[in-house]
Amino acid sequence: MHLPQMGYDRAITVFSPDGRLFQVEYAREAVKRGATAIGIKTKEGVVLIADRRVASKLLEADTIEKIYKIDEHICVATSGLVADARILVDRARIEAQINRLTYDEPISVKELARKICDYKQQYTQFGGVRPFGVSLLIAGVDEKPKLYETDPSGALLEYKATAIGAGRNVVME
């Protein structure tokens, strides 16, 4: 990665002359350096797999979480900055609870993924904040199995199978 032109990497809302938002690119780089997570959609459901590699012998392996339950029918795998992931997981759980309390039914996987992407996208528009340096694989079953990936920019993509993190290219081959 080359050094950006002076000043364009300091402000989140300023595009460089070639149309790039460097802070979003830095957030994507954090995802590329994160632990690998894989999602595979099947006829019966969705499988999430995450690398919980322990970086130090002093670290308690049980404290490493990469897959989180959001609701009875939705789970999330993360790659990138752990603290950013926790914020988005908490946000997803709150959105799922709000939907249950308001409509007396579970939130759809797609609706939850959209809400999280909308939230992430807001952090690419305003000063004083930075984009979330994490991608999520949001998996669940409504009428059919669903698998979505959220990008640090707030983009939402649906997949049959995908991977995020450091091992993405190897897995996708």
Protein backbone atom coordinates (compact mmCIF):
# COMPACT_ATOMS: atom_id res chain seq x y z
CA MET A 1 0.00 0.00 0.00
CA HIS A 2 1.48 3.35 -0.98
CA LEU A 3 1.31 6.49 1.11
CA PRO A 4 -1.68 8.67 0.24
CA GLN A 5 -1.44 12.25 -0.89
CA MET A 6 -1.06 14.62 2.02
CA GLY A 7 -4.25 15.39 3.91
CA TYR A 8 -6.68 13.07 2.14
CA ASP A 9 -6.17 10.30 4.68
CA ARG A 10 -6.92 12.53 7.67
CA ALA A 11 -10.49 13.51 6.87
CA ILE A 12 -13.07 10.77 6.57
CA THR A 13 -15.35 12.78 4.29
CA VAL A 14 -12.79 14.07 1.79
CA PHE A 15 -12.30 12.14 -1.42
CA SER A 16 -8.80 12.05 -2.87
CA PRO A 17 -8.35 13.41 -6.42
CA ASP A 18 -8.73 9.86 -7.77
CA GLY A 19 -12.02 9.31 -5.88
CA ARG A 20 -10.85 7.26 -2.91
CA LEU A 21 -11.73 7.45 0.78
CA PHE A 22 -8.50 6.43 2.46
CA GLN A 23 -10.06 5.81 5.88
CA VAL A 24 -12.38 3.21 4.34
CA GLU A 25 -9.38 1.59 2.65
CA TYR A 26 -7.55 1.47 5.99
CA ALA A 27 -10.59 -0.22 7.55
CA ARG A 28 -10.59 -2.82 4.75
CA GLU A 29 -6.90 -3.43 5.42
CA ALA A 30 -7.75 -4.24 9.07
CA VAL A 31 -10.20 -6.88 7.79
CA LYS A 32 -7.56 -8.36 5.46
CA ARG A 33 -5.25 -8.78 8.44
CA GLY A 34 -7.94 -10.33 10.65
CA ALA A 35 -8.65 -13.97 11.39
CA THR A 36 -10.25 -15.94 8.58
CA ALA A 37 -13.99 -16.62 8.74
CA ILE A 38 -15.93 -18.71 6.24
CA GLY A 39 -19.64 -18.93 5.47
CA ILE A 40 -21.28 -21.64 3.37
CA LYS A 41 -24.98 -21.74 2.52
CA THR A 42 -26.61 -25.18 2.15
CA LYS A 43 -30.18 -26.31 1.46
CA GLU A 44 -30.75 -26.90 5.18
CA GLY A 45 -28.96 -23.90 6.65
CA VAL A 46 -25.72 -21.95 6.81
CA VAL A 47 -22.36 -23.05 8.21
CA LEU A 48 -20.01 -20.49 9.78
CA ILE A 49 -16.38 -21.37 10.47
CA ALA A 50 -13.87 -19.06 12.16
CA ASP A 51 -10.18 -19.30 12.94
CA ARG A 52 -9.65 -18.89 16.68
CA ARG A 53 -5.90 -19.20 16.53
CA VAL A 54 -4.22 -18.25 19.80
CA ALA A 55 -1.44 -15.71 19.20
CA SER A 56 0.17 -16.15 22.62
CA LYS A 57 0.63 -19.03 25.06
CA LEU A 58 -0.38 -16.60 27.80
CA LEU A 59 -3.80 -15.95 26.28
CA GLU A 60 -6.82 -17.95 27.48
CA ALA A 61 -8.19 -19.63 24.34
CA ASP A 62 -11.76 -19.60 25.71
CA THR A 63 -11.80 -15.79 25.60
CA ILE A 64 -11.44 -15.64 21.82
CA GLU A 65 -14.84 -15.24 20.17
CA LYS A 66 -15.32 -14.99 16.43
CA ILE A 67 -18.87 -16.34 16.04
CA TYR A 68 -21.76 -14.74 17.93
CA LYS A 69 -25.42 -15.61 18.34
CA ILE A 70 -27.58 -12.59 17.50
CA ASP A 71 -31.07 -14.13 17.67
CA GLU A 72 -32.58 -17.61 17.63
CA HIS A 73 -32.10 -17.82 13.86
CA ILE A 74 -29.12 -15.53 13.17
CA CYS A 75 -25.38 -15.81 13.88
CA VAL A 76 -22.46 -13.60 12.89
CA ALA A 77 -18.79 -14.37 12.19
CA THR A 78 -16.30 -11.49 12.33
CA SER A 79 -12.89 -10.55 10.97
CA GLY A 80 -10.98 -7.39 11.75
CA LEU A 81 -10.75 -5.25 14.86
CA VAL A 82 -12.26 -7.12 17.82
CA ALA A 83 -13.50 -4.00 19.62
CA ASP A 84 -15.29 -2.82 16.47
CA ALA A 85 -16.84 -6.27 16.08
CA ARG A 86 -18.21 -6.16 19.64
CA ILE A 87 -19.89 -2.81 18.97
CA LEU A 88 -21.59 -4.14 15.83
CA VAL A 89 -22.59 -7.43 17.48
CA ASP A 90 -24.21 -5.50 20.33
CA ARG A 91 -25.95 -3.25 17.80
CA ALA A 92 -27.23 -6.29 15.87
CA ARG A 93 -28.60 -7.85 19.07
CA ILE A 94 -30.38 -4.61 19.96
CA GLU A 95 -31.91 -4.35 16.47
CA ALA A 96 -33.13 -7.96 16.74
CA GLN A 97 -34.67 -7.27 20.17
CA ILE A 98 -36.33 -4.06 19.00
CA ASN A 99 -37.93 -5.93 16.10
CA ARG A 100 -39.24 -8.68 18.41
CA LEU A 101 -40.67 -6.18 20.88
CA THR A 102 -42.17 -3.92 18.22
CA TYR A 103 -43.58 -6.47 15.77
CA ASP A 104 -43.73 -9.63 17.93
CA GLU A 105 -41.72 -11.54 15.33
CA PRO A 106 -38.04 -12.18 14.61
CA ILE A 107 -36.16 -9.81 12.33
CA SER A 108 -35.35 -11.16 8.87
CA VAL A 109 -31.71 -11.90 8.14
CA LYS A 110 -31.72 -9.44 5.24
CA GLU A 111 -33.30 -6.65 7.31
CA LEU A 112 -30.72 -7.09 10.07
CA ALA A 113 -27.88 -7.06 7.54
CA ARG A 114 -29.28 -3.86 5.98
CA LYS A 115 -29.54 -2.15 9.36
CA ILE A 116 -25.94 -3.04 10.24
CA CYS A 117 -24.71 -1.81 6.84
CA ASP A 118 -26.66 1.43 7.20
CA TYR A 119 -25.04 1.91 10.62
CA LYS A 120 -21.56 1.18 9.22
CA GLN A 121 -22.10 3.52 6.27
CA GLN A 122 -22.92 6.43 8.60
CA TYR A 123 -19.39 6.13 10.00
CA THR A 124 -17.96 6.93 6.56
CA GLN A 125 -19.72 10.31 6.30
CA PHE A 126 -19.02 12.33 9.42
CA GLY A 127 -15.97 13.89 11.02
CA GLY A 128 -14.89 12.78 14.47
CA VAL A 129 -15.51 9.09 13.72
CA ARG A 130 -13.83 6.44 11.60
CA PRO A 131 -15.17 3.48 9.63
CA PHE A 132 -15.49 0.18 11.47
CA GLY A 133 -12.41 -1.95 10.76
CA VAL A 134 -14.42 -5.16 10.64
CA SER A 135 -16.43 -7.23 8.20
CA LEU A 136 -19.28 -9.48 9.30
CA LEU A 137 -20.67 -12.65 7.82
CA ILE A 138 -24.34 -12.57 8.81
CA ALA A 139 -25.94 -16.00 8.51
CA GLY A 140 -29.41 -17.21 9.29
CA VAL A 141 -32.54 -18.97 8.16
CA ASP A 142 -35.85 -17.24 7.44
CA GLU A 143 -37.90 -19.12 4.85
CA LYS A 144 -34.58 -20.07 3.25
CA PRO A 145 -30.95 -19.94 4.38
CA LYS A 146 -29.25 -16.55 3.89
CA LEU A 147 -25.59 -15.47 3.97
CA TYR A 148 -24.51 -11.82 3.78
CA GLU A 149 -21.18 -10.01 4.05
CA THR A 150 -20.88 -6.46 5.33
CA ASP A 151 -18.00 -4.31 4.11
CA PRO A 152 -16.41 -1.47 6.15
CA SER A 153 -17.91 0.98 3.63
CA GLY A 154 -21.42 -0.22 4.46
CA ALA A 155 -21.82 -2.27 1.28
CA LEU A 156 -23.97 -5.40 1.58
CA LEU A 157 -23.44 -8.52 -0.52
CA GLU A 158 -25.30 -11.86 -0.51
CA TYR A 159 -23.36 -15.07 -1.13
CA LYS A 160 -23.72 -18.82 -1.54
CA ALA A 161 -20.28 -19.14 0.05
CA THR A 162 -17.58 -16.62 0.96
CA ALA A 163 -14.69 -15.87 3.28
CA ILE A 164 -13.31 -12.80 5.02
CA GLY A 165 -9.99 -12.12 6.69
CA ALA A 166 -6.37 -12.99 6.03
CA GLY A 167 -7.12 -16.36 4.41
CA ARG A 168 -9.85 -15.13 2.08
CA ASN A 169 -7.93 -15.55 -1.18
CA VAL A 170 -6.78 -19.08 -0.31
CA VAL A 171 -10.29 -20.16 0.70
CA MET A 172 -11.93 -18.64 -2.38
CA GLU A 173 -9.61 -20.55 -4.74
